[in-house]
Amino acid sequence: MGRQAATALYVLAMVAVVVGVDVVFFRHQFWPRLMANVGIVLVFGAFYLRYLKHP
């Protein structure tokens, strides 16, 4: 149960960062917004694979 809660919090943090960046910086711009969102998801994914994934 603890691992599922940690994963849920991690995903919630990623969503909060994506929405925050969208609202603050890229409100009406589609392509820069898409590129920033993909970059944020890639950074979160890399961090997960490097530090949080257990073998």
N, C-alpha and C. Protein backbone atom coordinates (compact mmCIF):
# COMPACT_ATOMS: atom_id res chain seq x y z
N MET A 1 0.82 -1.20 0.00
CA MET A 1 0.00 0.00 0.00
C MET A 1 0.86 1.26 0.00
N GLY A 2 1.99 1.24 0.67
CA GLY A 2 2.85 2.40 0.73
C GLY A 2 3.46 2.74 -0.63
N ARG A 3 3.80 1.72 -1.39
CA ARG A 3 4.40 1.94 -2.72
C ARG A 3 3.38 2.55 -3.67
N GLN A 4 2.14 2.10 -3.59
CA GLN A 4 1.09 2.67 -4.44
C GLN A 4 0.82 4.12 -4.08
N ALA A 5 0.84 4.43 -2.81
CA ALA A 5 0.61 5.81 -2.37
C ALA A 5 1.75 6.72 -2.84
N ALA A 6 2.97 6.23 -2.77
CA ALA A 6 4.12 7.02 -3.23
C ALA A 6 4.04 7.26 -4.73
N THR A 7 3.65 6.24 -5.48
CA THR A 7 3.51 6.40 -6.93
C THR A 7 2.41 7.39 -7.26
N ALA A 8 1.30 7.31 -6.53
CA ALA A 8 0.20 8.25 -6.75
C ALA A 8 0.63 9.68 -6.46
N LEU A 9 1.37 9.88 -5.39
CA LEU A 9 1.86 11.22 -5.06
C LEU A 9 2.85 11.72 -6.12
N TYR A 10 3.67 10.83 -6.65
CA TYR A 10 4.63 11.19 -7.68
C TYR A 10 3.90 11.65 -8.95
N VAL A 11 2.89 10.89 -9.35
CA VAL A 11 2.10 11.26 -10.53
C VAL A 11 1.35 12.55 -10.29
N LEU A 12 0.81 12.73 -9.10
CA LEU A 12 0.11 13.97 -8.76
C LEU A 12 1.05 15.17 -8.81
N ALA A 13 2.29 15.00 -8.34
CA ALA A 13 3.27 16.07 -8.42
C ALA A 13 3.60 16.41 -9.86
N MET A 14 3.73 15.40 -10.71
CA MET A 14 4.01 15.64 -12.12
C MET A 14 2.87 16.41 -12.78
N VAL A 15 1.64 16.01 -12.50
CA VAL A 15 0.48 16.70 -13.06
C VAL A 15 0.44 18.15 -12.58
N ALA A 16 0.73 18.38 -11.30
CA ALA A 16 0.73 19.74 -10.77
C ALA A 16 1.78 20.61 -11.45
N VAL A 17 2.96 20.05 -11.70
CA VAL A 17 4.02 20.81 -12.37
C VAL A 17 3.61 21.12 -13.81
N VAL A 18 3.05 20.16 -14.52
CA VAL A 18 2.64 20.38 -15.91
C VAL A 18 1.57 21.45 -15.98
N VAL A 19 0.56 21.36 -15.14
CA VAL A 19 -0.52 22.34 -15.16
C VAL A 19 -0.01 23.72 -14.73
N GLY A 20 0.85 23.76 -13.74
CA GLY A 20 1.40 25.03 -13.30
C GLY A 20 2.21 25.73 -14.38
N VAL A 21 3.05 24.98 -15.06
CA VAL A 21 3.85 25.57 -16.15
C VAL A 21 2.94 26.02 -17.28
N ASP A 22 1.92 25.23 -17.60
CA ASP A 22 0.98 25.62 -18.65
C ASP A 22 0.30 26.94 -18.32
N VAL A 23 -0.20 27.06 -17.12
CA VAL A 23 -0.96 28.25 -16.73
C VAL A 23 -0.06 29.48 -16.64
N VAL A 24 1.11 29.31 -16.08
CA VAL A 24 1.98 30.46 -15.85
C VAL A 24 2.67 30.93 -17.13
N PHE A 25 3.16 30.02 -17.95
CA PHE A 25 4.00 30.42 -19.07
C PHE A 25 3.36 30.29 -20.45
N PHE A 26 2.56 29.27 -20.69
CA PHE A 26 2.11 28.96 -22.05
C PHE A 26 0.60 28.91 -22.17
N ARG A 27 -0.07 29.93 -21.76
CA ARG A 27 -1.53 29.88 -21.72
C ARG A 27 -2.16 29.70 -23.10
N HIS A 28 -1.72 30.43 -24.13
CA HIS A 28 -2.37 30.40 -25.44
C HIS A 28 -1.42 30.01 -26.56
N GLN A 29 -0.39 29.24 -26.24
CA GLN A 29 0.57 28.83 -27.25
C GLN A 29 0.61 27.31 -27.27
N PHE A 30 0.25 26.72 -28.41
CA PHE A 30 0.11 25.26 -28.46
C PHE A 30 1.44 24.53 -28.52
N TRP A 31 2.29 24.84 -29.51
CA TRP A 31 3.52 24.06 -29.70
C TRP A 31 4.53 24.22 -28.58
N PRO A 32 4.81 25.44 -28.11
CA PRO A 32 5.73 25.54 -26.95
C PRO A 32 5.18 24.83 -25.71
N ARG A 33 3.87 24.88 -25.55
CA ARG A 33 3.23 24.21 -24.42
C ARG A 33 3.41 22.69 -24.53
N LEU A 34 3.19 22.15 -25.73
CA LEU A 34 3.35 20.72 -25.95
C LEU A 34 4.79 20.28 -25.71
N MET A 35 5.74 21.05 -26.23
CA MET A 35 7.15 20.69 -26.05
C MET A 35 7.56 20.75 -24.57
N ALA A 36 7.08 21.76 -23.86
CA ALA A 36 7.39 21.86 -22.43
C ALA A 36 6.78 20.70 -21.66
N ASN A 37 5.55 20.33 -21.99
CA ASN A 37 4.91 19.21 -21.30
C ASN A 37 5.64 17.89 -21.55
N VAL A 38 6.04 17.66 -22.79
CA VAL A 38 6.79 16.44 -23.11
C VAL A 38 8.11 16.44 -22.36
N GLY A 39 8.78 17.58 -22.32
CA GLY A 39 10.05 17.68 -21.59
C GLY A 39 9.89 17.41 -20.11
N ILE A 40 8.84 17.95 -19.51
CA ILE A 40 8.60 17.72 -18.08
C ILE A 40 8.34 16.25 -17.81
N VAL A 41 7.53 15.62 -18.64
CA VAL A 41 7.23 14.20 -18.46
C VAL A 41 8.49 13.37 -18.63
N LEU A 42 9.35 13.72 -19.59
CA LEU A 42 10.60 12.98 -19.78
C LEU A 42 11.53 13.13 -18.57
N VAL A 43 11.59 14.32 -18.01
CA VAL A 43 12.43 14.54 -16.82
C VAL A 43 11.89 13.74 -15.64
N PHE A 44 10.58 13.77 -15.43
CA PHE A 44 10.00 12.98 -14.35
C PHE A 44 10.24 11.49 -14.59
N GLY A 45 10.10 11.04 -15.83
CA GLY A 45 10.33 9.63 -16.13
C GLY A 45 11.77 9.22 -15.89
N ALA A 46 12.70 10.07 -16.31
CA ALA A 46 14.12 9.77 -16.10
C ALA A 46 14.45 9.72 -14.61
N PHE A 47 13.90 10.66 -13.84
CA PHE A 47 14.12 10.67 -12.40
C PHE A 47 13.56 9.40 -11.76
N TYR A 48 12.38 9.00 -12.19
CA TYR A 48 11.77 7.78 -11.66
C TYR A 48 12.64 6.56 -11.96
N LEU A 49 13.07 6.44 -13.20
CA LEU A 49 13.87 5.28 -13.58
C LEU A 49 15.22 5.26 -12.88
N ARG A 50 15.79 6.44 -12.64
CA ARG A 50 17.11 6.51 -12.04
C ARG A 50 17.09 6.31 -10.52
N TYR A 51 16.13 6.91 -9.83
CA TYR A 51 16.18 6.95 -8.39
C TYR A 51 15.06 6.18 -7.67
N LEU A 52 13.91 6.03 -8.28
CA LEU A 52 12.78 5.48 -7.54
C LEU A 52 12.40 4.05 -7.91
N LYS A 53 12.83 3.58 -9.05
CA LYS A 53 12.47 2.23 -9.47
C LYS A 53 13.34 1.22 -8.74
N HIS A 54 12.69 0.27 -8.11
CA HIS A 54 13.41 -0.76 -7.39
C HIS A 54 13.48 -2.02 -8.24
N PRO A 55 14.64 -2.69 -8.29
CA PRO A 55 14.78 -3.89 -9.13
C PRO A 55 13.96 -5.05 -8.62
